[in-house]
């Protein structure tokens, strides 16, 4: 898997993932369990490869 995410996109995905995981850990109510889906954007941002970008042929990094 070749990287297809730029620095800005990776940062956004990691922040989004952290927010969702924090919601899962510290949130209340019946819907906070959905916050665990934040693992996906967190991992995607950490790896630098996004399946959605690959499907649509989008590359947001300069050196890809």
N, C-alpha and C. Protein backbone atom coordinates (compact mmCIF):
# COMPACT_ATOMS: atom_id res chain seq x y z
N UNK A 1 0.84 -1.18 0.00
CA UNK A 1 0.00 0.00 0.00
C UNK A 1 0.88 1.24 0.00
N UNK A 2 0.76 2.01 -1.05
CA UNK A 2 1.51 3.25 -1.16
C UNK A 2 0.73 4.38 -0.49
N UNK A 3 1.43 5.24 0.23
CA UNK A 3 0.75 6.34 0.92
C UNK A 3 0.02 7.23 -0.08
N UNK A 4 -1.18 7.65 0.30
CA UNK A 4 -1.96 8.54 -0.57
C UNK A 4 -2.60 9.69 0.21
N UNK A 5 -2.09 9.94 1.41
CA UNK A 5 -2.63 11.01 2.25
C UNK A 5 -1.53 12.01 2.57
N UNK A 6 -1.87 13.29 2.42
CA UNK A 6 -0.95 14.35 2.77
C UNK A 6 -0.95 14.62 4.27
N UNK A 7 -0.08 15.51 4.68
CA UNK A 7 0.07 15.82 6.10
C UNK A 7 -1.21 16.39 6.69
N UNK A 8 -1.85 17.32 5.99
CA UNK A 8 -3.06 17.95 6.51
C UNK A 8 -4.19 16.93 6.65
N UNK A 9 -4.37 16.10 5.64
CA UNK A 9 -5.43 15.09 5.72
C UNK A 9 -5.16 14.10 6.83
N UNK A 10 -3.91 13.70 6.98
CA UNK A 10 -3.57 12.76 8.05
C UNK A 10 -3.86 13.37 9.42
N UNK A 11 -3.51 14.65 9.60
CA UNK A 11 -3.75 15.32 10.88
C UNK A 11 -5.24 15.39 11.18
N UNK A 12 -6.03 15.71 10.17
CA UNK A 12 -7.48 15.78 10.37
C UNK A 12 -8.03 14.43 10.76
N UNK A 13 -7.60 13.37 10.10
CA UNK A 13 -8.10 12.03 10.41
C UNK A 13 -7.69 11.59 11.81
N UNK A 14 -6.46 11.89 12.20
CA UNK A 14 -5.99 11.50 13.54
C UNK A 14 -6.78 12.26 14.62
N UNK A 15 -6.97 13.56 14.42
CA UNK A 15 -7.74 14.34 15.40
C UNK A 15 -9.17 13.83 15.49
N UNK A 16 -9.79 13.57 14.34
CA UNK A 16 -11.14 13.03 14.33
C UNK A 16 -11.20 11.68 15.06
N UNK A 17 -10.23 10.82 14.81
CA UNK A 17 -10.19 9.53 15.48
C UNK A 17 -10.04 9.66 16.98
N UNK A 18 -9.17 10.57 17.41
CA UNK A 18 -8.97 10.78 18.85
C UNK A 18 -10.23 11.31 19.52
N UNK A 19 -10.91 12.22 18.84
CA UNK A 19 -12.15 12.78 19.40
C UNK A 19 -13.20 11.68 19.55
N UNK A 20 -13.35 10.85 18.54
CA UNK A 20 -14.35 9.79 18.61
C UNK A 20 -14.02 8.74 19.67
N UNK A 21 -12.75 8.37 19.78
CA UNK A 21 -12.35 7.39 20.81
C UNK A 21 -12.53 7.99 22.20
N UNK A 22 -12.22 9.28 22.36
CA UNK A 22 -12.45 9.93 23.65
C UNK A 22 -13.93 9.94 23.99
N UNK A 23 -14.79 10.16 22.99
CA UNK A 23 -16.23 10.11 23.19
C UNK A 23 -16.65 8.73 23.66
N UNK A 24 -16.04 7.68 23.06
CA UNK A 24 -16.38 6.31 23.46
C UNK A 24 -15.94 6.04 24.91
N UNK A 25 -14.79 6.56 25.28
CA UNK A 25 -14.26 6.29 26.62
C UNK A 25 -14.95 7.10 27.71
N UNK A 26 -15.22 8.38 27.42
CA UNK A 26 -15.69 9.28 28.47
C UNK A 26 -17.13 9.76 28.28
N UNK A 27 -17.74 9.42 27.16
CA UNK A 27 -19.08 9.88 26.89
C UNK A 27 -20.13 9.14 27.70
N UNK A 28 -21.31 9.68 27.67
CA UNK A 28 -22.42 9.04 28.36
C UNK A 28 -23.58 8.93 27.40
N UNK A 29 -24.54 8.16 27.76
CA UNK A 29 -25.70 7.96 26.90
C UNK A 29 -25.55 6.70 26.08
N UNK A 30 -26.59 6.35 25.39
CA UNK A 30 -26.58 5.07 24.67
C UNK A 30 -25.76 5.08 23.38
N UNK A 31 -25.42 6.25 22.86
CA UNK A 31 -24.77 6.31 21.55
C UNK A 31 -23.25 6.48 21.61
N UNK A 32 -22.69 6.65 22.79
CA UNK A 32 -21.25 6.85 22.86
C UNK A 32 -20.47 5.62 22.42
N UNK A 33 -21.09 4.47 22.37
CA UNK A 33 -20.42 3.25 21.91
C UNK A 33 -19.98 3.40 20.45
N UNK A 34 -20.71 4.20 19.68
CA UNK A 34 -20.36 4.42 18.28
C UNK A 34 -19.02 5.14 18.15
N UNK A 35 -18.53 5.71 19.20
CA UNK A 35 -17.24 6.40 19.16
C UNK A 35 -16.08 5.48 18.85
N UNK A 36 -16.26 4.18 19.09
CA UNK A 36 -15.18 3.23 18.79
C UNK A 36 -14.88 3.14 17.31
N UNK A 37 -15.78 3.64 16.47
CA UNK A 37 -15.50 3.69 15.04
C UNK A 37 -14.32 4.62 14.76
N UNK A 38 -13.97 5.45 15.74
CA UNK A 38 -12.83 6.35 15.63
C UNK A 38 -11.51 5.65 15.47
N UNK A 39 -11.46 4.37 15.76
CA UNK A 39 -10.22 3.60 15.55
C UNK A 39 -9.86 3.57 14.07
N UNK A 40 -10.85 3.56 13.21
CA UNK A 40 -10.61 3.50 11.76
C UNK A 40 -9.89 4.75 11.26
N UNK A 41 -10.43 5.97 11.48
CA UNK A 41 -9.68 7.14 11.00
C UNK A 41 -8.35 7.34 11.74
N UNK A 42 -8.28 6.91 12.98
CA UNK A 42 -7.02 7.00 13.72
C UNK A 42 -5.95 6.14 13.07
N UNK A 43 -6.28 4.91 12.76
CA UNK A 43 -5.33 4.01 12.10
C UNK A 43 -5.02 4.48 10.68
N UNK A 44 -6.03 4.95 9.98
CA UNK A 44 -5.83 5.43 8.61
C UNK A 44 -4.86 6.61 8.60
N UNK A 45 -5.04 7.54 9.51
CA UNK A 45 -4.14 8.68 9.59
C UNK A 45 -2.74 8.28 10.00
N UNK A 46 -2.62 7.31 10.87
CA UNK A 46 -1.31 6.85 11.31
C UNK A 46 -0.55 6.14 10.19
N UNK A 47 -1.27 5.36 9.39
CA UNK A 47 -0.65 4.61 8.31
C UNK A 47 -0.36 5.51 7.11
N UNK A 48 -1.26 6.44 6.81
CA UNK A 48 -1.08 7.33 5.68
C UNK A 48 -1.71 6.83 4.40
N UNK A 49 -2.48 5.78 4.48
CA UNK A 49 -3.18 5.21 3.32
C UNK A 49 -4.66 5.16 3.62
N UNK A 50 -5.45 5.71 2.71
CA UNK A 50 -6.89 5.77 2.88
C UNK A 50 -7.56 4.99 1.75
N UNK A 51 -8.42 4.05 2.11
CA UNK A 51 -9.10 3.24 1.11
C UNK A 51 -10.03 4.08 0.24
N UNK A 52 -10.68 5.08 0.83
CA UNK A 52 -11.57 5.95 0.06
C UNK A 52 -10.77 6.71 -0.99
N UNK A 53 -9.61 7.23 -0.60
CA UNK A 53 -8.74 7.91 -1.57
C UNK A 53 -8.32 6.95 -2.68
N UNK A 54 -7.99 5.72 -2.32
CA UNK A 54 -7.55 4.75 -3.32
C UNK A 54 -8.66 4.41 -4.30
N UNK A 55 -9.87 4.25 -3.82
CA UNK A 55 -11.01 3.91 -4.69
C UNK A 55 -11.25 5.01 -5.71
N UNK A 56 -11.19 6.26 -5.26
CA UNK A 56 -11.48 7.39 -6.15
C UNK A 56 -10.23 7.97 -6.83
N UNK A 57 -9.08 7.38 -6.58
CA UNK A 57 -7.84 7.84 -7.21
C UNK A 57 -7.35 9.19 -6.72
N UNK A 58 -7.65 9.51 -5.47
CA UNK A 58 -7.26 10.79 -4.88
C UNK A 58 -5.93 10.63 -4.15
N UNK A 59 -5.01 11.55 -4.41
CA UNK A 59 -3.74 11.58 -3.70
C UNK A 59 -3.53 13.00 -3.19
N UNK A 60 -3.49 13.16 -1.86
CA UNK A 60 -3.33 14.48 -1.28
C UNK A 60 -1.89 14.75 -0.83
N UNK A 61 -1.00 13.81 -1.07
CA UNK A 61 0.39 14.03 -0.70
C UNK A 61 1.18 14.53 -1.93
N UNK A 62 2.22 15.28 -1.67
CA UNK A 62 3.01 15.87 -2.76
C UNK A 62 3.92 14.84 -3.43
N UNK A 63 4.45 13.91 -2.67
CA UNK A 63 5.48 13.00 -3.19
C UNK A 63 4.94 11.62 -3.57
N UNK A 64 3.66 11.49 -3.77
CA UNK A 64 3.09 10.19 -4.11
C UNK A 64 3.18 9.93 -5.60
